[in-house]
C-alpha atoms as a PDB file:
ATOM      1  CA  MET A   1      22.447  20.922 -27.821  1.00  0.00           C
ATOM      2  CA  PRO A   2      19.486  20.687 -25.416  1.00  0.00           C
ATOM      3  CA  HIS A   3      20.054  22.040 -21.925  1.00  0.00           C
ATOM      4  CA  LYS A   4      20.726  19.277 -19.420  1.00  0.00           C
ATOM      5  CA  GLU A   5      18.444  19.506 -16.410  1.00  0.00           C
ATOM      6  CA  GLU A   6      20.287  20.136 -13.154  1.00  0.00           C
ATOM      7  CA  SER A   7      19.233  17.867 -10.291  1.00  0.00           C
ATOM      8  CA  GLN A   8      19.159  19.148  -6.727  1.00  0.00           C
ATOM      9  CA  LEU A   9      17.887  15.878  -5.236  1.00  0.00           C
ATOM     10  CA  GLU A  10      19.486  14.440  -2.130  1.00  0.00           C
ATOM     11  CA  ILE A  11      18.741  10.786  -1.350  1.00  0.00           C
ATOM     12  CA  VAL A  12      19.129   9.625   2.262  1.00  0.00           C
ATOM     13  CA  GLU A  13      18.794   5.895   2.944  1.00  0.00           C
ATOM     14  CA  LEU A  14      16.494   4.930   5.825  1.00  0.00           C
ATOM     15  CA  HIS A  15      17.230   1.192   6.106  1.00  0.00           C
ATOM     16  CA  PRO A  16      20.096  -1.111   5.050  1.00  0.00           C
ATOM     17  CA  THR A  17      18.102  -2.847   2.277  1.00  0.00           C
ATOM     18  CA  PHE A  18      15.324  -0.456   1.195  1.00  0.00           C
ATOM     19  CA  ALA A  19      13.532   2.855   1.871  1.00  0.00           C
ATOM     20  CA  ALA A  20      14.911   6.360   1.399  1.00  0.00           C
ATOM     21  CA  GLU A  21      14.054  10.025   1.822  1.00  0.00           C
ATOM     22  CA  ILE A  22      14.339  12.339  -1.162  1.00  0.00           C
ATOM     23  CA  ARG A  23      15.077  15.956  -0.338  1.00  0.00           C
ATOM     24  CA  GLY A  24      15.135  18.990  -2.587  1.00  0.00           C
ATOM     25  CA  THR A  25      12.259  18.134  -4.922  1.00  0.00           C
ATOM     26  CA  ASN A  26      10.719  21.183  -6.573  1.00  0.00           C
ATOM     27  CA  PHE A  27       7.160  20.061  -7.258  1.00  0.00           C
ATOM     28  CA  ASP A  28       6.327  23.372  -8.931  1.00  0.00           C
ATOM     29  CA  ASN A  29       8.799  22.633 -11.721  1.00  0.00           C
ATOM     30  CA  LEU A  30       9.344  18.894 -11.860  1.00  0.00           C
ATOM     31  CA  GLY A  31      11.089  18.195 -15.135  1.00  0.00           C
ATOM     32  CA  SER A  32      11.373  14.841 -16.853  1.00  0.00           C
ATOM     33  CA  GLY A  33      15.001  14.351 -15.814  1.00  0.00           C
ATOM     34  CA  VAL A  34      14.245  14.770 -12.132  1.00  0.00           C
ATOM     35  CA  PHE A  35      11.162  12.580 -12.461  1.00  0.00           C
ATOM     36  CA  ASP A  36      13.348   9.876 -14.010  1.00  0.00           C
ATOM     37  CA  GLU A  37      15.605  10.094 -10.936  1.00  0.00           C
ATOM     38  CA  ILE A  38      12.578   9.671  -8.682  1.00  0.00           C
ATOM     39  CA  HIS A  39      11.456   6.690 -10.741  1.00  0.00           C
ATOM     40  CA  ALA A  40      14.910   5.116 -10.421  1.00  0.00           C
ATOM     41  CA  ALA A  41      14.828   5.701  -6.663  1.00  0.00           C
ATOM     42  CA  ILE A  42      11.443   4.047  -6.163  1.00  0.00           C
ATOM     43  CA  THR A  43      12.641   1.084  -8.243  1.00  0.00           C
ATOM     44  CA  LYS A  44      15.699   0.668  -6.039  1.00  0.00           C
ATOM     45  CA  TYR A  45      14.261   1.504  -2.617  1.00  0.00           C
ATOM     46  CA  GLY A  46      10.602   0.442  -2.862  1.00  0.00           C
ATOM     47  CA  VAL A  47       9.456   3.334  -0.656  1.00  0.00           C
ATOM     48  CA  VAL A  48      10.548   6.969  -0.608  1.00  0.00           C
ATOM     49  CA  LYS A  49       9.563   9.892   1.589  1.00  0.00           C
ATOM     50  CA  PHE A  50       9.224  13.449   0.312  1.00  0.00           C
ATOM     51  CA  PRO A  51       9.201  15.888   3.273  1.00  0.00           C
ATOM     52  CA  LYS A  52       7.288  19.180   3.170  1.00  0.00           C
ATOM     53  CA  THR A  53       6.085  18.868  -0.421  1.00  0.00           C
ATOM     54  CA  GLY A  54       3.714  21.837  -0.210  1.00  0.00           C
ATOM     55  CA  LEU A  55       1.303  19.930  -2.472  1.00  0.00           C
ATOM     56  CA  ASP A  56      -2.432  20.543  -2.252  1.00  0.00           C
ATOM     57  CA  ASP A  57      -4.956  17.919  -3.339  1.00  0.00           C
ATOM     58  CA  ALA A  58      -4.784  18.960  -7.008  1.00  0.00           C
ATOM     59  CA  GLY A  59      -0.988  18.814  -6.988  1.00  0.00           C
ATOM     60  CA  HIS A  60      -1.107  15.455  -5.244  1.00  0.00           C
ATOM     61  CA  VAL A  61      -3.320  14.019  -7.982  1.00  0.00           C
ATOM     62  CA  ALA A  62      -1.221  15.587 -10.734  1.00  0.00           C
ATOM     63  CA  PHE A  63       2.038  14.170  -9.344  1.00  0.00           C
ATOM     64  CA  ALA A  64       0.500  10.713  -8.889  1.00  0.00           C
ATOM     65  CA  SER A  65      -0.847  10.683 -12.442  1.00  0.00           C
ATOM     66  CA  ARG A  66       2.701  10.917 -13.792  1.00  0.00           C
ATOM     67  CA  PHE A  67       3.240   7.350 -12.587  1.00  0.00           C
ATOM     68  CA  GLY A  68       0.280   5.940 -14.526  1.00  0.00           C
ATOM     69  CA  GLU A  69      -3.487   5.523 -14.574  1.00  0.00           C
ATOM     70  CA  LEU A  70      -5.134   6.342 -11.261  1.00  0.00           C
ATOM     71  CA  ASP A  71      -7.691   4.291  -9.354  1.00  0.00           C
ATOM     72  CA  ASP A  72     -10.739   6.017  -7.826  1.00  0.00           C
ATOM     73  CA  VAL A  73     -13.196   5.641  -4.960  1.00  0.00           C
ATOM     74  CA  SER A  74     -16.262   4.696  -7.025  1.00  0.00           C
ATOM     75  CA  PRO A  75     -16.410   1.079  -5.712  1.00  0.00           C
ATOM     76  CA  TYR A  76     -16.978   2.524  -2.230  1.00  0.00           C
ATOM     77  CA  THR A  77     -19.365   5.339  -3.128  1.00  0.00           C
ATOM     78  CA  LYS A  78     -21.508   2.945  -5.178  1.00  0.00           C
ATOM     79  CA  LEU A  79     -22.101   0.990  -1.967  1.00  0.00           C
ATOM     80  CA  GLY A  80     -23.215   4.110  -0.126  1.00  0.00           C
ATOM     81  CA  LYS A  81     -19.993   5.391   1.410  1.00  0.00           C
ATOM     82  CA  LYS A  82     -19.903   9.198   1.362  1.00  0.00           C
ATOM     83  CA  HIS A  83     -16.731  10.767  -0.014  1.00  0.00           C
ATOM     84  CA  ARG A  84     -15.780  14.002   1.714  1.00  0.00           C
ATOM     85  CA  LEU A  85     -12.884  14.941  -0.600  1.00  0.00           C
ATOM     86  CA  ALA A  86     -13.088  16.970  -3.816  1.00  0.00           C
ATOM     87  CA  PHE A  87     -11.163  14.448  -5.940  1.00  0.00           C
ATOM     88  CA  GLU A  88     -12.457  10.928  -6.531  1.00  0.00           C
ATOM     89  CA  GLN A  89      -8.855   9.884  -7.254  1.00  0.00           C
ATOM     90  CA  LEU A  90      -7.975  10.480  -3.597  1.00  0.00           C
ATOM     91  CA  PHE A  91      -8.818   7.733  -1.121  1.00  0.00           C
ATOM     92  CA  ASP A  92      -9.795   9.030   2.306  1.00  0.00           C
ATOM     93  CA  VAL A  93      -7.673   7.016   4.737  1.00  0.00           C
ATOM     94  CA  SER A  94      -8.216   9.396   7.632  1.00  0.00           C
ATOM     95  CA  ASN A  95      -9.864   8.750  10.979  1.00  0.00           C
ATOM     96  CA  LEU A  96     -12.638  11.213  10.138  1.00  0.00           C
ATOM     97  CA  LEU A  97     -16.343  10.835   9.525  1.00  0.00           C
ATOM     98  CA  GLU A  98     -17.987  12.469   6.526  1.00  0.00           C
ATOM     99  CA  ASP A  99     -18.785  15.593   8.553  1.00  0.00           C
ATOM    100  CA  GLY A 100     -15.093  16.009   9.454  1.00  0.00           C
ATOM    101  CA  SER A 101     -15.378  14.900  13.073  1.00  0.00           C
ATOM    102  CA  VAL A 102     -13.018  12.319  14.562  1.00  0.00           C
ATOM    103  CA  ALA A 103     -14.420   8.784  14.476  1.00  0.00           C
ATOM    104  CA  SER A 104     -14.788   7.138  17.877  1.00  0.00           C
ATOM    105  CA  VAL A 105     -12.690   4.040  18.482  1.00  0.00           C
ATOM    106  CA  ASN A 106     -15.856   1.893  18.518  1.00  0.00           C
ATOM    107  CA  SER A 107     -17.259   3.192  15.227  1.00  0.00           C
ATOM    108  CA  HIS A 108     -17.652   1.309  11.939  1.00  0.00           C
ATOM    109  CA  ARG A 109     -15.117   3.694  10.414  1.00  0.00           C
ATOM    110  CA  ALA A 110     -12.510   2.863  13.048  1.00  0.00           C
ATOM    111  CA  ALA A 111     -13.189  -0.864  12.661  1.00  0.00           C
ATOM    112  CA  MET A 112     -12.645  -0.740   8.897  1.00  0.00           C
ATOM    113  CA  ASN A 113      -9.465   1.283   9.426  1.00  0.00           C
ATOM    114  CA  LYS A 114      -8.110  -1.514  11.628  1.00  0.00           C
ATOM    115  CA  GLY A 115      -7.477  -3.485   8.452  1.00  0.00           C
ATOM    116  CA  ASN A 116      -4.828  -0.901   7.626  1.00  0.00           C
ATOM    117  CA  SER A 117      -2.951  -1.865  10.791  1.00  0.00           C
ATOM    118  CA  LEU A 118      -2.100  -5.262   9.281  1.00  0.00           C
ATOM    119  CA  PHE A 119       0.773  -5.517   6.815  1.00  0.00           C
ATOM    120  CA  HIS A 120      -0.757  -5.453   3.351  1.00  0.00           C
ATOM    121  CA  VAL A 121      -0.413  -4.256  -0.219  1.00  0.00           C
ATOM    122  CA  ASP A 122      -3.019  -1.972  -1.739  1.00  0.00           C
ATOM    123  CA  SER A 123      -5.731  -3.444  -3.964  1.00  0.00           C
ATOM    124  CA  SER A 124      -4.376  -6.984  -4.280  1.00  0.00           C
ATOM    125  CA  PHE A 125      -8.046  -7.944  -3.805  1.00  0.00           C
ATOM    126  CA  ASN A 126      -9.010  -6.337  -7.152  1.00  0.00           C
ATOM    127  CA  PRO A 127      -8.708  -7.918 -10.602  1.00  0.00           C
ATOM    128  CA  ARG A 128      -6.053  -5.316 -11.439  1.00  0.00           C
ATOM    129  CA  ARG A 129      -3.785  -4.700  -8.501  1.00  0.00           C
ATOM    130  CA  ALA A 130      -2.171  -1.443  -7.401  1.00  0.00           C
ATOM    131  CA  GLY A 131       1.287  -0.447  -8.505  1.00  0.00           C
ATOM    132  CA  TYR A 132       2.333   2.743  -6.746  1.00  0.00           C
ATOM    133  CA  SER A 133       0.613   4.436  -3.826  1.00  0.00           C
ATOM    134  CA  LEU A 134       1.169   8.050  -2.846  1.00  0.00           C
ATOM    135  CA  LEU A 135       0.009   8.904   0.673  1.00  0.00           C
ATOM    136  CA  LYS A 136       0.057  12.543   1.775  1.00  0.00           C
ATOM    137  CA  ALA A 137      -0.503  14.082   5.177  1.00  0.00           C
ATOM    138  CA  HIS A 138      -3.191  16.765   5.123  1.00  0.00           C
ATOM    139  CA  GLU A 139      -3.471  17.241   8.892  1.00  0.00           C
ATOM    140  CA  LEU A 140      -1.400  15.317  11.403  1.00  0.00           C
ATOM    141  CA  PRO A 141      -2.157  14.577  15.063  1.00  0.00           C
ATOM    142  CA  PRO A 142       0.099  16.086  17.736  1.00  0.00           C
ATOM    143  CA  LYS A 143       3.660  14.792  17.760  1.00  0.00           C
ATOM    144  CA  GLY A 144       4.173  11.875  20.108  1.00  0.00           C
ATOM    145  CA  THR A 145       0.663  10.459  19.638  1.00  0.00           C
ATOM    146  CA  GLY A 146       1.633   7.807  17.071  1.00  0.00           C
ATOM    147  CA  GLY A 147       0.517   7.179  13.521  1.00  0.00           C
ATOM    148  CA  ALA A 148       3.794   6.328  11.770  1.00  0.00           C
ATOM    149  CA  THR A 149       3.689   4.078   8.707  1.00  0.00           C
ATOM    150  CA  GLU A 150       5.695   0.848   8.659  1.00  0.00           C
ATOM    151  CA  TYR A 151       7.011  -0.896   5.555  1.00  0.00           C
ATOM    152  CA  ALA A 152       8.278  -4.434   5.004  1.00  0.00           C
ATOM    153  CA  ASP A 153      10.871  -5.332   2.350  1.00  0.00           C
ATOM    154  CA  THR A 154       9.374  -8.358   0.578  1.00  0.00           C
ATOM    155  CA  ARG A 155      12.154  -8.609  -2.018  1.00  0.00           C
ATOM    156  CA  THR A 156      14.856  -9.126   0.594  1.00  0.00           C
ATOM    157  CA  ALA A 157      12.456 -11.334   2.560  1.00  0.00           C
ATOM    158  CA  PHE A 158      12.242 -13.620  -0.472  1.00  0.00           C
ATOM    159  CA  ASP A 159      16.021 -13.581  -0.965  1.00  0.00           C
ATOM    160  CA  GLU A 160      16.547 -14.743   2.619  1.00  0.00           C
ATOM    161  CA  LEU A 161      13.985 -17.550   2.741  1.00  0.00           C
ATOM    162  CA  PRO A 162      15.344 -20.979   3.707  1.00  0.00           C
ATOM    163  CA  GLU A 163      16.614 -22.599   0.519  1.00  0.00           C
ATOM    164  CA  GLU A 164      14.236 -25.567   0.676  1.00  0.00           C
ATOM    165  CA  LEU A 165      11.217 -23.313   1.076  1.00  0.00           C
ATOM    166  CA  LYS A 166      12.411 -21.011  -1.686  1.00  0.00           C
ATOM    167  CA  LYS A 167      12.850 -24.029  -3.960  1.00  0.00           C
ATOM    168  CA  GLU A 168       9.319 -25.247  -3.163  1.00  0.00           C
ATOM    169  CA  LEU A 169       7.803 -21.841  -3.938  1.00  0.00           C
ATOM    170  CA  LEU A 170       9.595 -21.559  -7.264  1.00  0.00           C
ATOM    171  CA  GLU A 171       8.757 -25.121  -8.319  1.00  0.00           C
ATOM    172  CA  LYS A 172       5.114 -25.109  -7.195  1.00  0.00           C
ATOM    173  CA  ASP A 173       4.409 -21.568  -8.449  1.00  0.00           C
ATOM    174  CA  TYR A 174       1.545 -21.179  -5.977  1.00  0.00           C
ATOM    175  CA  VAL A 175      -1.442 -18.906  -6.575  1.00  0.00           C
ATOM    176  CA  ALA A 176      -2.860 -16.938  -3.638  1.00  0.00           C
ATOM    177  CA  CYS A 177      -6.431 -15.657  -3.489  1.00  0.00           C
ATOM    178  CA  HIS A 178      -6.893 -12.189  -1.979  1.00  0.00           C
ATOM    179  CA  SER A 179     -10.008 -10.782  -0.307  1.00  0.00           C
ATOM    180  CA  LEU A 180     -10.752  -7.320   1.111  1.00  0.00           C
ATOM    181  CA  TYR A 181     -13.397  -8.825   3.399  1.00  0.00           C
ATOM    182  CA  HIS A 182     -10.912 -11.366   4.742  1.00  0.00           C
ATOM    183  CA  SER A 183      -8.439  -8.746   5.964  1.00  0.00           C
ATOM    184  CA  ARG A 184     -11.174  -6.516   7.386  1.00  0.00           C
ATOM    185  CA  LYS A 185     -12.763  -9.393   9.308  1.00  0.00           C
ATOM    186  CA  THR A 186      -9.342 -10.536  10.535  1.00  0.00           C
ATOM    187  CA  ALA A 187      -8.582  -7.091  11.938  1.00  0.00           C
ATOM    188  CA  ALA A 188     -12.059  -6.433  13.365  1.00  0.00           C
ATOM    189  CA  PRO A 189     -13.809  -9.785  13.902  1.00  0.00           C
ATOM    190  CA  GLY A 190     -16.844  -8.180  15.551  1.00  0.00           C
ATOM    191  CA  PHE A 191     -17.762  -6.348  12.335  1.00  0.00           C
ATOM    192  CA  LEU A 192     -19.009  -7.596   8.933  1.00  0.00           C
ATOM    193  CA  THR A 193     -20.331 -10.646  10.782  1.00  0.00           C
ATOM    194  CA  ASP A 194     -22.892 -11.380   8.057  1.00  0.00           C
ATOM    195  CA  ILE A 195     -20.230 -11.552   5.335  1.00  0.00           C
ATOM    196  CA  ASN A 196     -18.375 -14.720   4.395  1.00  0.00           C
ATOM    197  CA  PRO A 197     -15.339 -13.851   2.223  1.00  0.00           C
ATOM    198  CA  GLU A 198     -15.722 -17.124   0.339  1.00  0.00           C
ATOM    199  CA  ASP A 199     -19.090 -15.936  -0.988  1.00  0.00           C
ATOM    200  CA  HIS A 200     -17.440 -12.988  -2.725  1.00  0.00           C
ATOM    201  CA  PHE A 201     -14.896 -12.313  -5.427  1.00  0.00           C
ATOM    202  CA  MET A 202     -11.270 -13.132  -4.689  1.00  0.00           C
ATOM    203  CA  SER A 203      -8.372 -11.910  -6.782  1.00  0.00           C
ATOM    204  CA  ARG A 204      -5.790 -14.475  -7.908  1.00  0.00           C
ATOM    205  CA  HIS A 205      -2.089 -13.566  -7.959  1.00  0.00           C
ATOM    206  CA  LYS A 206       1.117 -15.585  -8.024  1.00  0.00           C
ATOM    207  CA  LEU A 207       2.631 -15.850  -4.559  1.00  0.00           C
ATOM    208  CA  VAL A 208       6.150 -15.390  -5.908  1.00  0.00           C
ATOM    209  CA  GLN A 209       6.867 -13.255  -8.945  1.00  0.00           C
ATOM    210  CA  ARG A 210       9.598 -11.164 -10.477  1.00  0.00           C
ATOM    211  CA  HIS A 211       9.449  -7.466  -9.657  1.00  0.00           C
ATOM    212  CA  VAL A 212       9.575  -6.108 -13.182  1.00  0.00           C
ATOM    213  CA  PRO A 213      11.247  -2.702 -12.610  1.00  0.00           C
ATOM    214  CA  SER A 214      14.198  -4.102 -10.620  1.00  0.00           C
ATOM    215  CA  GLY A 215      14.338  -7.673 -11.951  1.00  0.00           C
ATOM    216  CA  ARG A 216      14.434  -9.042  -8.393  1.00  0.00           C
ATOM    217  CA  MET A 217      12.147 -11.800  -7.141  1.00  0.00           C
ATOM    218  CA  ASN A 218       9.414 -10.743  -4.732  1.00  0.00           C
ATOM    219  CA  LEU A 219       7.188 -12.416  -2.166  1.00  0.00           C
ATOM    220  CA  TYR A 220       3.719 -11.060  -2.989  1.00  0.00           C
ATOM    221  CA  ILE A 221       2.174 -11.650   0.406  1.00  0.00           C
ATOM    222  CA  ALA A 222      -0.389  -9.564   2.308  1.00  0.00           C
ATOM    223  CA  SER A 223      -3.044  -9.707   5.013  1.00  0.00           C
ATOM    224  CA  HIS A 224      -5.569  -9.832   2.151  1.00  0.00           C
ATOM    225  CA  ALA A 225      -4.292 -13.325   1.199  1.00  0.00           C
ATOM    226  CA  HIS A 226      -7.122 -15.693   2.160  1.00  0.00           C
ATOM    227  CA  HIS A 227      -5.834 -19.027   0.876  1.00  0.00           C
ATOM    228  CA  ILE A 228      -3.526 -20.738  -1.600  1.00  0.00           C
ATOM    229  CA  GLU A 229      -5.103 -22.667  -4.445  1.00  0.00           C
ATOM    230  CA  ASP A 230      -4.774 -26.422  -4.950  1.00  0.00           C
ATOM    231  CA  VAL A 231      -3.428 -27.298  -1.507  1.00  0.00           C
ATOM    232  CA  SER A 232      -5.236 -28.455   1.619  1.00  0.00           C
ATOM    233  CA  PRO A 233      -6.686 -25.791   3.929  1.00  0.00           C
ATOM    234  CA  GLU A 234      -4.160 -26.833   6.562  1.00  0.00           C
ATOM    235  CA  LYS A 235      -1.212 -26.483   4.175  1.00  0.00           C
ATOM    236  CA  SER A 236      -2.540 -23.172   2.889  1.00  0.00           C
ATOM    237  CA  LYS A 237      -2.925 -21.698   6.374  1.00  0.00           C
ATOM    238  CA  GLU A 238       0.479 -22.941   7.506  1.00  0.00           C
ATOM    239  CA  LEU A 239       2.326 -21.676   4.428  1.00  0.00           C
ATOM    240  CA  LEU A 240       0.667 -18.242   4.396  1.00  0.00           C
ATOM    241  CA  SER A 241       1.368 -17.836   8.110  1.00  0.00           C
ATOM    242  CA  THR A 242       5.008 -18.893   7.705  1.00  0.00           C
ATOM    243  CA  LEU A 243       5.642 -16.520   4.817  1.00  0.00           C
ATOM    244  CA  TYR A 244       3.768 -13.601   6.366  1.00  0.00           C
ATOM    245  CA  LYS A 245       5.613 -13.920   9.682  1.00  0.00           C
ATOM    246  CA  HIS A 246       8.923 -14.278   7.866  1.00  0.00           C
ATOM    247  CA  ALA A 247       8.342 -11.082   5.856  1.00  0.00           C
ATOM    248  CA  CYS A 248       7.234  -9.186   8.981  1.00  0.00           C
ATOM    249  CA  GLN A 249      10.432  -9.783  10.943  1.00  0.00           C
ATOM    250  CA  PRO A 250      11.944  -6.598  12.416  1.00  0.00           C
ATOM    251  CA  LYS A 251      15.035  -6.843  10.189  1.00  0.00           C
ATOM    252  CA  TYR A 252      12.842  -6.292   7.105  1.00  0.00           C
ATOM    253  CA  ILE A 253      10.848  -3.396   8.569  1.00  0.00           C
ATOM    254  CA  VAL A 254      11.283   0.362   8.704  1.00  0.00           C
ATOM    255  CA  ALA A 255       8.960   2.788  10.496  1.00  0.00           C
ATOM    256  CA  ILE A 256       8.656   6.196   8.844  1.00  0.00           C
ATOM    257  CA  ASP A 257       7.355   9.087  10.891  1.00  0.00           C
ATOM    258  CA  TRP A 258       5.162  11.873   9.618  1.00  0.00           C
ATOM    259  CA  ASN A 259       6.612  15.212  10.675  1.00  0.00           C
ATOM    260  CA  ASP A 260       4.833  17.926   8.699  1.00  0.00           C
ATOM    261  CA  ASN A 261       1.542  18.471   6.922  1.00  0.00           C
ATOM    262  CA  SER A 262       2.203  17.842   3.201  1.00  0.00           C
ATOM    263  CA  ASP A 263       4.815  15.123   3.828  1.00  0.00           C
ATOM    264  CA  LEU A 264       4.292  12.455   1.163  1.00  0.00           C
ATOM    265  CA  LEU A 265       5.222   8.775   1.024  1.00  0.00           C
ATOM    266  CA  LEU A 266       5.490   6.974  -2.302  1.00  0.00           C
ATOM    267  CA  TRP A 267       5.762   3.195  -2.368  1.00  0.00           C
ATOM    268  CA  ASP A 268       5.613   0.305  -4.797  1.00  0.00           C
ATOM    269  CA  ASN A 269       3.003  -2.241  -3.700  1.00  0.00           C
ATOM    270  CA  THR A 270       4.610  -4.877  -5.896  1.00  0.00           C
ATOM    271  CA  CYS A 271       7.746  -5.037  -3.732  1.00  0.00           C
ATOM    272  CA  VAL A 272       6.838  -3.781  -0.229  1.00  0.00           C
ATOM    273  CA  MET A 273       4.048  -4.230   2.303  1.00  0.00           C
ATOM    274  CA  HIS A 274       2.898  -1.442   4.590  1.00  0.00           C
ATOM    275  CA  ARG A 275       0.704  -0.777   7.602  1.00  0.00           C
ATOM    276  CA  ALA A 276      -0.523   2.166   9.676  1.00  0.00           C
ATOM    277  CA  MET A 277       0.656   2.139  13.269  1.00  0.00           C
ATOM    278  CA  ALA A 278      -1.733   2.788  16.123  1.00  0.00           C
ATOM    279  CA  GLY A 279      -1.426   5.581  18.635  1.00  0.00           C
ATOM    280  CA  THR A 280      -3.064   7.598  21.361  1.00  0.00           C
ATOM    281  CA  TYR A 281      -4.412   9.968  18.678  1.00  0.00           C
ATOM    282  CA  GLU A 282      -7.136   7.429  17.842  1.00  0.00           C
ATOM    283  CA  GLY A 283     -10.573   8.691  18.796  1.00  0.00           C
ATOM    284  CA  LYS A 284      -9.074  12.035  19.945  1.00  0.00           C
ATOM    285  CA  TYR A 285      -7.117  13.895  17.296  1.00  0.00           C
ATOM    286  CA  VAL A 286      -7.429  14.387  13.550  1.00  0.00           C
ATOM    287  CA  ARG A 287      -5.198  12.230  11.364  1.00  0.00           C
ATOM    288  CA  ASP A 288      -6.232  13.293   7.861  1.00  0.00           C
ATOM    289  CA  MET A 289      -4.344  11.193   5.312  1.00  0.00           C
ATOM    290  CA  ARG A 290      -5.138  11.041   1.593  1.00  0.00           C
ATOM    291  CA  ARG A 291      -3.892   8.434  -0.857  1.00  0.00           C
ATOM    292  CA  ALA A 292      -3.653   8.346  -4.616  1.00  0.00           C
ATOM    293  CA  THR A 293      -3.292   4.845  -6.046  1.00  0.00           C
ATOM    294  CA  VAL A 294      -1.777   4.030  -9.426  1.00  0.00           C
ATOM    295  CA  HIS A 295      -2.995   0.928 -11.261  1.00  0.00           C
ATOM    296  CA  ASP A 296      -0.169  -1.521 -11.860  1.00  0.00           C
ATOM    297  CA  GLY A 297       1.054  -1.408 -15.448  1.00  0.00           C
ATOM    298  CA  SER A 298       3.364  -4.429 -15.314  1.00  0.00           C
ATOM    299  CA  ILE A 299       2.868  -7.846 -16.921  1.00  0.00           C
ATOM    300  CA  HIS A 300       1.621  -9.093 -13.529  1.00  0.00           C
ATOM    301  CA  ALA A 301      -1.003  -6.346 -13.106  1.00  0.00           C
ATOM    302  CA  TRP A 302      -4.057  -8.546 -13.670  1.00  0.00           C
ATOM    303  CA  GLY A 303      -2.633 -11.676 -12.075  1.00  0.00           C
ATOM    304  CA  LEU A 304      -4.733 -14.654 -13.163  1.00  0.00           C
ATOM    305  CA  ASN A 305      -7.946 -12.604 -13.233  1.00  0.00           C
ATOM    306  CA  GLU A 306     -10.243 -11.661 -16.058  1.00  0.00           C
ATOM    307  CA  GLN A 307      -9.755  -8.036 -17.015  1.00  0.00           C
ATOM    308  CA  SER A 308     -12.685  -6.121 -15.588  1.00  0.00           C
ATOM    309  CA  ASN A 309     -13.506  -2.681 -14.220  1.00  0.00           C
ATOM    310  CA  ASP A 310     -15.191  -4.333 -11.222  1.00  0.00           C
ATOM    311  CA  ARG A 311     -13.426  -3.516  -7.959  1.00  0.00           C
ATOM    312  CA  MET A 312     -14.068  -4.290  -4.322  1.00  0.00           C
ATOM    313  CA  GLY A 313     -15.307  -1.793  -1.731  1.00  0.00           C
ATOM    314  CA  PHE A 314     -17.415  -1.518   1.397  1.00  0.00           C
ATOM    315  CA  PRO A 315     -19.929   1.078   2.640  1.00  0.00           C
END
């Protein structure tokens, strides 16, 4: 009989309804049985933290690729953005300029990063949305200077909607249009002033959908959501605001601190939102974070969009 793989994983819950920390993962010898446990955990919890992984960039990419096909930074580099990392599958979500210096708080880089401070899901603005994201700390700012990552449980947020609103959403089956430019302009209105989001591609996704891995219903809301189709602008704005504020209530949120270089957070963009929290490190200390993003492989991956390799980016 084949040898059964022994698991040494310890799962510690971080919030009453979602989020957990997984301890004891041996990334040097990650067998299929242990990976299946990790997959079950991310399905249940939506976000999991792996402390002190010891992974370098190559190991980060290799681990991420086990979850599916990886996205890359080419939409950004094609528009002139310089990529300072060795792997195009790693998105540079640091506060650093291409020469490795810390971006000033008034820089274009800092302004574009402000979009990450709004609750969002990765790549909902692309024809094919993101499934999993794996964010790893490469170099953290001093402790006590901020920079935690917050997550919002959009499955439980849907479950606890007022019944009349939940009924409306299920009956109307609304479609939301997502725009990268919209969220960036919302977060930093003094930048991208010559860009009107309505002049550019918007990705179309159902506002409410079943989260395939768990079977639970999910509110697919994000700061990228620009408008809802086939309703008045007033109704669209009101409904998006109501749902976004509902999902961002403190009872649905957990803040996860970064404690050590090589800590890694894995989350499922199809059932949680996330955001980067501000801090006194901004403009002063290095916060070098690198993200691998896995294309969604579910039946909802492409939303109502034509399948295309075109993806959004900015210089």
